[in-house]
Amino acid sequence: MTEGHRPVLLAEALDALAVRPEGRYLDATFGRGGHSAEILTRLAPTGRLLAMDRDDQAIEVATRRFGEDPRMTIVKGRFSMMEVDRGMAPWQGGFDGMLFDLGVSSPQLDDACRGFSFRKDGPLDMRMDRQSRPSAAEWLNSVPEAEIVRVLRDFGEERFARRIARAVVATRVDAPIITTSQFAALVAREIPRREPGQDPATRAFQALRILVNDELGELTRALPAARDLLRPGGRLVVISFHSLEDRIVKQFFAHEARGDAYPTRLPIPQAMLAPRLKVIGKPVRPGVAECAANPRARSAVMRVAERLREAS
């Protein structure tokens, strides 16, 4: 662990990866390196780890901590880049295991300047890669009301999306919404009924963050590329933190485990369906002790699949 960051489901994720000392692995979401550090402890000198992240601060941490380790390669970028760049050097040869720890990291949440948290006043930014556009504030102050409603409903499952969107449009006529506290206060005023134990701004902030970083699109594009880059017997481990992400992972694993689709009445043998993945075990959630030590782990769910060998 580093810089106050507690990697979620650390032991469970490493057990699921079944790291081999001479294997080749990908940490697609380096964060602050908790999972990467543990993978390295299990690798022999001939083992290899590729770590990537889209956040410049994460890349700085990776370079500082592991830049001298010959087993480690560090790449800045979105994990969906596997889809278009998988013929290039970092991806060649495939992997024996791949880890996706989705969502925002604790250091990102704790830094008010990043704008991820409704509990800290700062610029309403939310970009994981601060070289990308637009920021949350730029988007919120420029798009039509109907688009705000759609995003709050689709990405935040916010029941009061229309009320919030109407208030945003009315407010920005006089002055743009540029800080986290402005937006959080606006949302709180427009929500008449509170969910016990949850800040009223939770869903709206989640929606904007997902939108600004294209989190669901990134995941949807990355999963097929990850499947194709797995070596036979390799493990794909995905840790999700909300139902929208987990649904994508669950459905993808189920589809790949079933194999190709044919009309239901055709007598197709199982071998002809050509399933590409096998689901390993049941979804794993943090235990009581981990949730008590790290409340941000409470919503986590981990799913694991293994790449099947090609039919001969």
C-alpha atoms as a PDB file:
ATOM      1  CA  MET A   1       0.000   0.000   0.000  1.00  0.00           C
ATOM      2  CA  THR A   2       1.093   3.559  -0.644  1.00  0.00           C
ATOM      3  CA  GLU A   3      -0.107   7.137  -0.212  1.00  0.00           C
ATOM      4  CA  GLY A   4      -3.133   6.041   1.861  1.00  0.00           C
ATOM      5  CA  HIS A   5      -4.366   3.686  -0.846  1.00  0.00           C
ATOM      6  CA  ARG A   6      -5.780   0.301   0.167  1.00  0.00           C
ATOM      7  CA  PRO A   7      -6.074  -2.107  -2.775  1.00  0.00           C
ATOM      8  CA  VAL A   8      -9.436  -3.843  -2.625  1.00  0.00           C
ATOM      9  CA  LEU A   9      -9.646  -7.652  -2.547  1.00  0.00           C
ATOM     10  CA  LEU A  10      -5.858  -7.846  -2.768  1.00  0.00           C
ATOM     11  CA  ALA A  11      -5.382 -11.431  -1.591  1.00  0.00           C
ATOM     12  CA  GLU A  12      -8.448 -12.656  -3.455  1.00  0.00           C
ATOM     13  CA  ALA A  13      -7.380 -11.032  -6.733  1.00  0.00           C
ATOM     14  CA  LEU A  14      -3.858 -12.452  -6.532  1.00  0.00           C
ATOM     15  CA  ASP A  15      -5.176 -15.921  -5.762  1.00  0.00           C
ATOM     16  CA  ALA A  16      -7.553 -15.629  -8.725  1.00  0.00           C
ATOM     17  CA  LEU A  17      -4.714 -14.645 -11.055  1.00  0.00           C
ATOM     18  CA  ALA A  18      -2.830 -17.821 -10.020  1.00  0.00           C
ATOM     19  CA  VAL A  19       0.484 -16.062 -10.732  1.00  0.00           C
ATOM     20  CA  ARG A  20       3.219 -18.284 -12.147  1.00  0.00           C
ATOM     21  CA  PRO A  21       6.811 -17.153 -11.446  1.00  0.00           C
ATOM     22  CA  GLU A  22       7.757 -17.058 -15.114  1.00  0.00           C
ATOM     23  CA  GLY A  23       4.407 -15.804 -16.403  1.00  0.00           C
ATOM     24  CA  ARG A  24       3.446 -12.551 -18.088  1.00  0.00           C
ATOM     25  CA  TYR A  25       0.804 -10.344 -16.505  1.00  0.00           C
ATOM     26  CA  LEU A  26      -1.080  -7.085 -17.056  1.00  0.00           C
ATOM     27  CA  ASP A  27      -2.269  -4.682 -14.370  1.00  0.00           C
ATOM     28  CA  ALA A  28      -4.573  -2.589 -16.542  1.00  0.00           C
ATOM     29  CA  THR A  29      -5.366  -0.088 -13.750  1.00  0.00           C
ATOM     30  CA  PHE A  30      -2.153   0.544 -11.803  1.00  0.00           C
ATOM     31  CA  GLY A  31      -3.637   3.172  -9.461  1.00  0.00           C
ATOM     32  CA  ARG A  32      -1.050   3.352  -6.698  1.00  0.00           C
ATOM     33  CA  GLY A  33       0.439  -0.059  -7.337  1.00  0.00           C
ATOM     34  CA  GLY A  34      -0.944  -2.228  -4.559  1.00  0.00           C
ATOM     35  CA  HIS A  35      -1.839  -5.109  -6.861  1.00  0.00           C
ATOM     36  CA  SER A  36       1.265  -4.645  -9.038  1.00  0.00           C
ATOM     37  CA  ALA A  37       3.576  -4.758  -6.027  1.00  0.00           C
ATOM     38  CA  GLU A  38       2.081  -8.060  -4.921  1.00  0.00           C
ATOM     39  CA  ILE A  39       2.291  -9.552  -8.411  1.00  0.00           C
ATOM     40  CA  LEU A  40       5.992  -8.658  -8.534  1.00  0.00           C
ATOM     41  CA  THR A  41       6.646 -10.489  -5.277  1.00  0.00           C
ATOM     42  CA  ARG A  42       5.450 -13.662  -6.990  1.00  0.00           C
ATOM     43  CA  LEU A  43       7.420 -13.255 -10.221  1.00  0.00           C
ATOM     44  CA  ALA A  44      10.819 -14.771 -10.921  1.00  0.00           C
ATOM     45  CA  PRO A  45      13.509 -12.714 -12.713  1.00  0.00           C
ATOM     46  CA  THR A  46      12.136 -14.072 -15.994  1.00  0.00           C
ATOM     47  CA  GLY A  47       8.544 -13.062 -15.188  1.00  0.00           C
ATOM     48  CA  ARG A  48       7.069  -9.911 -16.667  1.00  0.00           C
ATOM     49  CA  LEU A  49       4.454  -7.341 -15.610  1.00  0.00           C
ATOM     50  CA  LEU A  50       2.955  -4.642 -17.819  1.00  0.00           C
ATOM     51  CA  ALA A  51       1.327  -1.868 -15.757  1.00  0.00           C
ATOM     52  CA  MET A  52      -0.830   0.830 -17.297  1.00  0.00           C
ATOM     53  CA  ASP A  53      -2.949   3.762 -16.202  1.00  0.00           C
ATOM     54  CA  ARG A  54      -4.388   6.882 -17.843  1.00  0.00           C
ATOM     55  CA  ASP A  55      -3.618   9.100 -14.824  1.00  0.00           C
ATOM     56  CA  ASP A  56      -0.301  10.981 -14.944  1.00  0.00           C
ATOM     57  CA  GLN A  57       0.041  10.841 -11.170  1.00  0.00           C
ATOM     58  CA  ALA A  58      -0.320   7.054 -11.242  1.00  0.00           C
ATOM     59  CA  ILE A  59       2.363   6.828 -13.921  1.00  0.00           C
ATOM     60  CA  GLU A  60       4.664   9.002 -11.811  1.00  0.00           C
ATOM     61  CA  VAL A  61       4.175   6.658  -8.850  1.00  0.00           C
ATOM     62  CA  ALA A  62       4.783   3.602 -11.028  1.00  0.00           C
ATOM     63  CA  THR A  63       7.987   5.066 -12.435  1.00  0.00           C
ATOM     64  CA  ARG A  64       9.251   6.115  -9.011  1.00  0.00           C
ATOM     65  CA  ARG A  65       8.495   2.781  -7.343  1.00  0.00           C
ATOM     66  CA  PHE A  66       9.192   0.284 -10.093  1.00  0.00           C
ATOM     67  CA  GLY A  67      10.977   2.080 -12.924  1.00  0.00           C
ATOM     68  CA  GLU A  68      14.251   0.284 -12.178  1.00  0.00           C
ATOM     69  CA  ASP A  69      12.714  -3.191 -12.040  1.00  0.00           C
ATOM     70  CA  PRO A  70      13.565  -4.991 -15.322  1.00  0.00           C
ATOM     71  CA  ARG A  71      10.462  -7.171 -14.995  1.00  0.00           C
ATOM     72  CA  MET A  72       8.170  -4.138 -15.184  1.00  0.00           C
ATOM     73  CA  THR A  73       6.981  -2.175 -18.240  1.00  0.00           C
ATOM     74  CA  ILE A  74       4.940   0.991 -17.629  1.00  0.00           C
ATOM     75  CA  VAL A  75       2.500   2.371 -20.224  1.00  0.00           C
ATOM     76  CA  LYS A  76       0.320   5.479 -19.958  1.00  0.00           C
ATOM     77  CA  GLY A  77      -3.068   5.113 -21.596  1.00  0.00           C
ATOM     78  CA  ARG A  78      -6.631   3.910 -21.417  1.00  0.00           C
ATOM     79  CA  PHE A  79      -6.995   0.153 -21.180  1.00  0.00           C
ATOM     80  CA  SER A  80      -9.203   0.167 -24.278  1.00  0.00           C
ATOM     81  CA  MET A  81      -6.032   0.928 -26.255  1.00  0.00           C
ATOM     82  CA  MET A  82      -5.508  -2.827 -26.251  1.00  0.00           C
ATOM     83  CA  GLU A  83      -8.255  -2.961 -28.854  1.00  0.00           C
ATOM     84  CA  VAL A  84      -6.308  -0.974 -31.453  1.00  0.00           C
ATOM     85  CA  ASP A  85      -2.679  -1.365 -30.343  1.00  0.00           C
ATOM     86  CA  ARG A  86      -2.534  -5.063 -29.523  1.00  0.00           C
ATOM     87  CA  GLY A  87      -0.175  -5.769 -32.428  1.00  0.00           C
ATOM     88  CA  MET A  88       2.411  -3.412 -30.949  1.00  0.00           C
ATOM     89  CA  ALA A  89       5.338  -4.412 -28.756  1.00  0.00           C
ATOM     90  CA  PRO A  90       3.849  -4.119 -25.211  1.00  0.00           C
ATOM     91  CA  TRP A  91       1.023  -6.508 -26.062  1.00  0.00           C
ATOM     92  CA  GLN A  92       2.841  -9.064 -28.209  1.00  0.00           C
ATOM     93  CA  GLY A  93       2.940 -12.559 -26.793  1.00  0.00           C
ATOM     94  CA  GLY A  94      -0.233 -12.204 -24.763  1.00  0.00           C
ATOM     95  CA  PHE A  95      -0.649 -12.625 -21.015  1.00  0.00           C
ATOM     96  CA  ASP A  96      -1.086 -15.361 -18.429  1.00  0.00           C
ATOM     97  CA  GLY A  97      -3.254 -13.086 -16.339  1.00  0.00           C
ATOM     98  CA  MET A  98      -4.910  -9.670 -16.527  1.00  0.00           C
ATOM     99  CA  LEU A  99      -6.346  -7.533 -13.722  1.00  0.00           C
ATOM    100  CA  PHE A 100      -8.877  -4.701 -14.064  1.00  0.00           C
ATOM    101  CA  ASP A 101      -9.549  -2.776 -10.832  1.00  0.00           C
ATOM    102  CA  LEU A 102     -12.201  -0.374 -12.081  1.00  0.00           C
ATOM    103  CA  GLY A 103     -13.390   2.995 -10.889  1.00  0.00           C
ATOM    104  CA  VAL A 104     -11.650   5.846  -9.114  1.00  0.00           C
ATOM    105  CA  SER A 105      -8.745   5.329  -6.705  1.00  0.00           C
ATOM    106  CA  SER A 106      -8.549   6.620  -3.137  1.00  0.00           C
ATOM    107  CA  PRO A 107      -5.799   9.173  -3.957  1.00  0.00           C
ATOM    108  CA  GLN A 108      -7.968  10.588  -6.726  1.00  0.00           C
ATOM    109  CA  LEU A 109     -10.930  10.890  -4.360  1.00  0.00           C
ATOM    110  CA  ASP A 110      -8.833  12.417  -1.596  1.00  0.00           C
ATOM    111  CA  ASP A 111      -7.274  15.121  -3.788  1.00  0.00           C
ATOM    112  CA  ALA A 112      -9.730  18.029  -3.855  1.00  0.00           C
ATOM    113  CA  CYS A 113      -8.052  19.434  -6.973  1.00  0.00           C
ATOM    114  CA  ARG A 114      -9.194  16.410  -8.987  1.00  0.00           C
ATOM    115  CA  GLY A 115     -12.881  17.150  -8.385  1.00  0.00           C
ATOM    116  CA  PHE A 116     -14.061  13.580  -7.836  1.00  0.00           C
ATOM    117  CA  SER A 117     -15.454  13.986  -4.322  1.00  0.00           C
ATOM    118  CA  PHE A 118     -18.560  15.847  -3.211  1.00  0.00           C
ATOM    119  CA  ARG A 119     -17.041  15.937   0.294  1.00  0.00           C
ATOM    120  CA  LYS A 120     -14.148  18.199  -0.728  1.00  0.00           C
ATOM    121  CA  ASP A 121     -14.477  21.595  -2.357  1.00  0.00           C
ATOM    122  CA  GLY A 122     -12.503  21.897  -5.551  1.00  0.00           C
ATOM    123  CA  PRO A 123     -12.811  22.377  -9.305  1.00  0.00           C
ATOM    124  CA  LEU A 124     -15.522  20.207 -10.858  1.00  0.00           C
ATOM    125  CA  ASP A 125     -13.065  18.309 -13.031  1.00  0.00           C
ATOM    126  CA  MET A 126     -13.291  14.477 -12.639  1.00  0.00           C
ATOM    127  CA  ARG A 127     -10.924  13.659 -15.503  1.00  0.00           C
ATOM    128  CA  MET A 128      -8.685  10.664 -14.859  1.00  0.00           C
ATOM    129  CA  ASP A 129      -6.505  11.879 -17.726  1.00  0.00           C
ATOM    130  CA  ARG A 130      -6.331  15.644 -17.320  1.00  0.00           C
ATOM    131  CA  GLN A 131      -5.188  16.083 -20.899  1.00  0.00           C
ATOM    132  CA  SER A 132      -8.575  14.868 -22.138  1.00  0.00           C
ATOM    133  CA  ARG A 133     -11.670  17.005 -22.744  1.00  0.00           C
ATOM    134  CA  PRO A 134     -14.188  17.967 -21.546  1.00  0.00           C
ATOM    135  CA  SER A 135     -14.022  18.308 -17.763  1.00  0.00           C
ATOM    136  CA  ALA A 136     -17.204  17.689 -15.793  1.00  0.00           C
ATOM    137  CA  ALA A 137     -17.779  21.440 -15.443  1.00  0.00           C
ATOM    138  CA  GLU A 138     -17.247  22.089 -19.153  1.00  0.00           C
ATOM    139  CA  TRP A 139     -19.756  19.399 -20.028  1.00  0.00           C
ATOM    140  CA  LEU A 140     -22.331  20.387 -17.397  1.00  0.00           C
ATOM    141  CA  ASN A 141     -22.310  24.022 -18.472  1.00  0.00           C
ATOM    142  CA  SER A 142     -22.653  23.399 -22.202  1.00  0.00           C
ATOM    143  CA  VAL A 143     -25.006  20.512 -22.982  1.00  0.00           C
ATOM    144  CA  PRO A 144     -28.813  20.615 -23.337  1.00  0.00           C
ATOM    145  CA  GLU A 145     -31.063  19.794 -20.419  1.00  0.00           C
ATOM    146  CA  ALA A 146     -32.217  16.541 -22.048  1.00  0.00           C
ATOM    147  CA  GLU A 147     -28.634  15.309 -22.245  1.00  0.00           C
ATOM    148  CA  ILE A 148     -28.067  15.987 -18.558  1.00  0.00           C
ATOM    149  CA  VAL A 149     -31.240  14.041 -17.764  1.00  0.00           C
ATOM    150  CA  ARG A 150     -30.069  11.099 -19.866  1.00  0.00           C
ATOM    151  CA  VAL A 151     -26.642  10.911 -18.260  1.00  0.00           C
ATOM    152  CA  LEU A 152     -27.944  11.218 -14.697  1.00  0.00           C
ATOM    153  CA  ARG A 153     -30.498   8.481 -15.358  1.00  0.00           C
ATOM    154  CA  ASP A 154     -28.340   6.110 -17.392  1.00  0.00           C
ATOM    155  CA  PHE A 155     -25.058   6.419 -15.509  1.00  0.00           C
ATOM    156  CA  GLY A 156     -26.227   7.407 -12.045  1.00  0.00           C
ATOM    157  CA  GLU A 157     -29.632   5.711 -11.891  1.00  0.00           C
ATOM    158  CA  GLU A 158     -30.789   9.019 -10.403  1.00  0.00           C
ATOM    159  CA  ARG A 159     -34.563   9.153  -9.842  1.00  0.00           C
ATOM    160  CA  PHE A 160     -34.609  12.945  -9.706  1.00  0.00           C
ATOM    161  CA  ALA A 161     -32.574  13.474 -12.860  1.00  0.00           C
ATOM    162  CA  ARG A 162     -35.092  15.820 -14.448  1.00  0.00           C
ATOM    163  CA  ARG A 163     -35.302  18.095 -11.412  1.00  0.00           C
ATOM    164  CA  ILE A 164     -31.508  18.280 -11.146  1.00  0.00           C
ATOM    165  CA  ALA A 165     -31.053  18.955 -14.865  1.00  0.00           C
ATOM    166  CA  ARG A 166     -33.654  21.717 -14.813  1.00  0.00           C
ATOM    167  CA  ALA A 167     -31.881  23.345 -11.857  1.00  0.00           C
ATOM    168  CA  VAL A 168     -28.501  23.108 -13.591  1.00  0.00           C
ATOM    169  CA  VAL A 169     -29.790  24.876 -16.689  1.00  0.00           C
ATOM    170  CA  ALA A 170     -31.494  27.585 -14.626  1.00  0.00           C
ATOM    171  CA  THR A 171     -28.406  28.143 -12.460  1.00  0.00           C
ATOM    172  CA  ARG A 172     -25.867  28.364 -15.264  1.00  0.00           C
ATOM    173  CA  VAL A 173     -27.814  31.223 -16.904  1.00  0.00           C
ATOM    174  CA  ASP A 174     -26.465  33.524 -14.177  1.00  0.00           C
ATOM    175  CA  ALA A 175     -23.073  31.880 -13.555  1.00  0.00           C
ATOM    176  CA  PRO A 176     -21.395  28.604 -14.544  1.00  0.00           C
ATOM    177  CA  ILE A 177     -21.217  25.715 -12.097  1.00  0.00           C
ATOM    178  CA  ILE A 178     -17.480  25.270 -11.593  1.00  0.00           C
ATOM    179  CA  THR A 179     -16.894  23.676  -8.181  1.00  0.00           C
ATOM    180  CA  THR A 180     -17.793  20.378  -6.534  1.00  0.00           C
ATOM    181  CA  SER A 181     -19.495  22.144  -3.629  1.00  0.00           C
ATOM    182  CA  GLN A 182     -21.705  24.171  -6.003  1.00  0.00           C
ATOM    183  CA  PHE A 183     -22.910  21.067  -7.806  1.00  0.00           C
ATOM    184  CA  ALA A 184     -23.302  18.996  -4.620  1.00  0.00           C
ATOM    185  CA  ALA A 185     -25.396  21.737  -3.001  1.00  0.00           C
ATOM    186  CA  LEU A 186     -27.565  22.100  -6.102  1.00  0.00           C
ATOM    187  CA  VAL A 187     -28.236  18.345  -6.183  1.00  0.00           C
ATOM    188  CA  ALA A 188     -29.033  18.273  -2.465  1.00  0.00           C
ATOM    189  CA  ARG A 189     -31.621  21.049  -2.901  1.00  0.00           C
ATOM    190  CA  GLU A 190     -33.391  19.138  -5.682  1.00  0.00           C
ATOM    191  CA  ILE A 191     -33.659  15.738  -3.987  1.00  0.00           C
ATOM    192  CA  PRO A 192     -36.729  15.629  -1.722  1.00  0.00           C
ATOM    193  CA  ARG A 193     -36.133  12.136  -0.324  1.00  0.00           C
ATOM    194  CA  ARG A 194     -32.744  10.957   0.952  1.00  0.00           C
ATOM    195  CA  GLU A 195     -31.421   7.404   0.917  1.00  0.00           C
ATOM    196  CA  PRO A 196     -30.273   6.358   4.406  1.00  0.00           C
ATOM    197  CA  GLY A 197     -26.505   6.441   4.755  1.00  0.00           C
ATOM    198  CA  GLN A 198     -25.904   7.977   1.321  1.00  0.00           C
ATOM    199  CA  ASP A 199     -25.087  11.561   0.418  1.00  0.00           C
ATOM    200  CA  PRO A 200     -27.703  12.957  -2.001  1.00  0.00           C
ATOM    201  CA  ALA A 201     -24.945  13.882  -4.478  1.00  0.00           C
ATOM    202  CA  THR A 202     -23.577  10.331  -4.751  1.00  0.00           C
ATOM    203  CA  ARG A 203     -25.458   9.246  -7.864  1.00  0.00           C
ATOM    204  CA  ALA A 204     -25.030  12.525  -9.739  1.00  0.00           C
ATOM    205  CA  PHE A 205     -21.276  12.588  -9.117  1.00  0.00           C
ATOM    206  CA  GLN A 206     -21.000   8.962 -10.232  1.00  0.00           C
ATOM    207  CA  ALA A 207     -22.894   9.779 -13.431  1.00  0.00           C
ATOM    208  CA  LEU A 208     -20.658  12.705 -14.352  1.00  0.00           C
ATOM    209  CA  ARG A 209     -17.486  10.759 -13.608  1.00  0.00           C
ATOM    210  CA  ILE A 210     -18.585   7.835 -15.774  1.00  0.00           C
ATOM    211  CA  LEU A 211     -19.529  10.193 -18.585  1.00  0.00           C
ATOM    212  CA  VAL A 212     -16.368  12.315 -18.503  1.00  0.00           C
ATOM    213  CA  ASN A 213     -14.083   9.261 -18.503  1.00  0.00           C
ATOM    214  CA  ASP A 214     -16.236   7.095 -20.813  1.00  0.00           C
ATOM    215  CA  GLU A 215     -15.870   4.350 -18.226  1.00  0.00           C
ATOM    216  CA  LEU A 216     -18.543   2.009 -19.562  1.00  0.00           C
ATOM    217  CA  GLY A 217     -17.401   2.432 -23.162  1.00  0.00           C
ATOM    218  CA  GLU A 218     -13.800   1.794 -22.127  1.00  0.00           C
ATOM    219  CA  LEU A 219     -14.791  -1.415 -20.364  1.00  0.00           C
ATOM    220  CA  THR A 220     -17.007  -2.617 -23.214  1.00  0.00           C
ATOM    221  CA  ARG A 221     -14.167  -2.168 -25.727  1.00  0.00           C
ATOM    222  CA  ALA A 222     -11.450  -3.554 -23.465  1.00  0.00           C
ATOM    223  CA  LEU A 223     -13.029  -6.873 -22.491  1.00  0.00           C
ATOM    224  CA  PRO A 224     -12.967  -8.507 -25.974  1.00  0.00           C
ATOM    225  CA  ALA A 225      -9.391  -7.290 -26.487  1.00  0.00           C
ATOM    226  CA  ALA A 226      -8.399  -8.712 -23.103  1.00  0.00           C
ATOM    227  CA  ARG A 227      -9.975 -12.046 -23.995  1.00  0.00           C
ATOM    228  CA  ASP A 228      -7.971 -12.196 -27.217  1.00  0.00           C
ATOM    229  CA  LEU A 229      -4.719 -11.288 -25.451  1.00  0.00           C
ATOM    230  CA  LEU A 230      -5.075 -14.023 -22.839  1.00  0.00           C
ATOM    231  CA  ARG A 231      -3.002 -17.132 -23.352  1.00  0.00           C
ATOM    232  CA  PRO A 232      -4.812 -20.480 -22.957  1.00  0.00           C
ATOM    233  CA  GLY A 233      -5.347 -21.067 -19.252  1.00  0.00           C
ATOM    234  CA  GLY A 234      -4.814 -17.369 -18.498  1.00  0.00           C
ATOM    235  CA  ARG A 235      -7.077 -15.614 -16.018  1.00  0.00           C
ATOM    236  CA  LEU A 236      -9.052 -12.383 -16.446  1.00  0.00           C
ATOM    237  CA  VAL A 237      -9.891 -10.784 -13.086  1.00  0.00           C
ATOM    238  CA  VAL A 238     -12.232  -7.773 -12.934  1.00  0.00           C
ATOM    239  CA  ILE A 239     -13.134  -5.819  -9.794  1.00  0.00           C
ATOM    240  CA  SER A 240     -16.183  -3.552 -10.240  1.00  0.00           C
ATOM    241  CA  PHE A 241     -17.635  -0.946  -7.900  1.00  0.00           C
ATOM    242  CA  HIS A 242     -21.141  -0.340  -9.209  1.00  0.00           C
ATOM    243  CA  SER A 243     -23.881  -2.331 -10.864  1.00  0.00           C
ATOM    244  CA  LEU A 244     -23.443  -0.802 -14.339  1.00  0.00           C
ATOM    245  CA  GLU A 245     -19.842  -2.015 -14.601  1.00  0.00           C
ATOM    246  CA  ASP A 246     -20.587  -5.367 -13.013  1.00  0.00           C
ATOM    247  CA  ARG A 247     -23.485  -5.994 -15.392  1.00  0.00           C
ATOM    248  CA  ILE A 248     -21.198  -5.497 -18.408  1.00  0.00           C
ATOM    249  CA  VAL A 249     -18.612  -7.897 -16.988  1.00  0.00           C
ATOM    250  CA  LYS A 250     -21.194 -10.490 -15.968  1.00  0.00           C
ATOM    251  CA  GLN A 251     -22.894 -10.473 -19.361  1.00  0.00           C
ATOM    252  CA  PHE A 252     -19.594 -10.595 -21.251  1.00  0.00           C
ATOM    253  CA  PHE A 253     -18.328 -13.568 -19.228  1.00  0.00           C
ATOM    254  CA  ALA A 254     -21.648 -15.394 -19.652  1.00  0.00           C
ATOM    255  CA  HIS A 255     -21.672 -14.794 -23.421  1.00  0.00           C
ATOM    256  CA  GLU A 256     -18.069 -15.942 -23.855  1.00  0.00           C
ATOM    257  CA  ALA A 257     -18.709 -19.033 -21.730  1.00  0.00           C
ATOM    258  CA  ARG A 258     -21.716 -19.999 -23.883  1.00  0.00           C
ATOM    259  CA  GLY A 259     -19.887 -19.574 -27.166  1.00  0.00           C
ATOM    260  CA  ASP A 260     -21.315 -18.754 -30.571  1.00  0.00           C
ATOM    261  CA  ALA A 261     -25.032 -18.144 -30.944  1.00  0.00           C
ATOM    262  CA  TYR A 262     -27.156 -20.453 -33.109  1.00  0.00           C
ATOM    263  CA  PRO A 263     -30.935 -20.816 -33.485  1.00  0.00           C
ATOM    264  CA  THR A 264     -32.175 -22.652 -30.400  1.00  0.00           C
ATOM    265  CA  ARG A 265     -33.811 -25.504 -32.331  1.00  0.00           C
ATOM    266  CA  LEU A 266     -30.676 -26.528 -34.197  1.00  0.00           C
ATOM    267  CA  PRO A 267     -28.960 -29.638 -32.765  1.00  0.00           C
ATOM    268  CA  ILE A 268     -25.550 -27.987 -32.321  1.00  0.00           C
ATOM    269  CA  PRO A 269     -22.994 -29.953 -30.261  1.00  0.00           C
ATOM    270  CA  GLN A 270     -21.295 -28.092 -27.420  1.00  0.00           C
ATOM    271  CA  ALA A 271     -17.917 -28.366 -29.151  1.00  0.00           C
ATOM    272  CA  MET A 272     -19.218 -26.387 -32.138  1.00  0.00           C
ATOM    273  CA  LEU A 273     -20.281 -23.482 -29.942  1.00  0.00           C
ATOM    274  CA  ALA A 274     -16.593 -22.686 -29.382  1.00  0.00           C
ATOM    275  CA  PRO A 275     -16.781 -21.033 -25.950  1.00  0.00           C
ATOM    276  CA  ARG A 276     -13.716 -18.887 -25.306  1.00  0.00           C
ATOM    277  CA  LEU A 277     -13.898 -18.349 -21.554  1.00  0.00           C
ATOM    278  CA  LYS A 278     -14.778 -20.406 -18.507  1.00  0.00           C
ATOM    279  CA  VAL A 279     -16.234 -18.617 -15.479  1.00  0.00           C
ATOM    280  CA  ILE A 280     -14.211 -19.423 -12.367  1.00  0.00           C
ATOM    281  CA  GLY A 281     -16.131 -19.597  -9.101  1.00  0.00           C
ATOM    282  CA  LYS A 282     -18.806 -17.229  -7.888  1.00  0.00           C
ATOM    283  CA  PRO A 283     -18.600 -13.437  -7.588  1.00  0.00           C
ATOM    284  CA  VAL A 284     -16.363 -12.453  -4.666  1.00  0.00           C
ATOM    285  CA  ARG A 285     -17.114  -9.556  -2.320  1.00  0.00           C
ATOM    286  CA  PRO A 286     -15.032  -8.073   0.499  1.00  0.00           C
ATOM    287  CA  GLY A 287     -15.509  -9.541   3.922  1.00  0.00           C
ATOM    288  CA  VAL A 288     -16.701  -7.729   7.037  1.00  0.00           C
ATOM    289  CA  ALA A 289     -13.163  -7.015   8.241  1.00  0.00           C
ATOM    290  CA  GLU A 290     -12.064  -5.442   4.944  1.00  0.00           C
ATOM    291  CA  CYS A 291     -15.182  -3.274   4.712  1.00  0.00           C
ATOM    292  CA  ALA A 292     -14.649  -2.095   8.291  1.00  0.00           C
ATOM    293  CA  ALA A 293     -11.024  -1.193   7.559  1.00  0.00           C
ATOM    294  CA  ASN A 294     -11.808   0.323   4.156  1.00  0.00           C
ATOM    295  CA  PRO A 295     -15.432   1.482   3.737  1.00  0.00           C
ATOM    296  CA  ARG A 296     -14.820   2.203   0.036  1.00  0.00           C
ATOM    297  CA  ALA A 297     -14.550  -1.549  -0.506  1.00  0.00           C
ATOM    298  CA  ARG A 298     -18.192  -2.156   0.403  1.00  0.00           C
ATOM    299  CA  SER A 299     -19.565  -2.048  -3.140  1.00  0.00           C
ATOM    300  CA  ALA A 300     -16.772  -4.096  -4.748  1.00  0.00           C
ATOM    301  CA  VAL A 301     -17.456  -7.338  -6.588  1.00  0.00           C
ATOM    302  CA  MET A 302     -14.827  -9.469  -8.316  1.00  0.00           C
ATOM    303  CA  ARG A 303     -15.465 -11.817 -11.230  1.00  0.00           C
ATOM    304  CA  VAL A 304     -12.958 -14.237 -12.727  1.00  0.00           C
ATOM    305  CA  ALA A 305     -12.811 -16.056 -16.053  1.00  0.00           C
ATOM    306  CA  GLU A 306     -10.216 -18.332 -17.640  1.00  0.00           C
ATOM    307  CA  ARG A 307      -9.244 -18.482 -21.314  1.00  0.00           C
ATOM    308  CA  LEU A 308     -10.079 -21.863 -22.814  1.00  0.00           C
ATOM    309  CA  ARG A 309      -7.729 -23.672 -25.129  1.00  0.00           C
ATOM    310  CA  GLU A 310      -8.538 -23.456 -28.803  1.00  0.00           C
ATOM    311  CA  ALA A 311     -10.266 -26.504 -30.242  1.00  0.00           C
ATOM    312  CA  SER A 312      -7.904 -28.605 -32.308  1.00  0.00           C
END
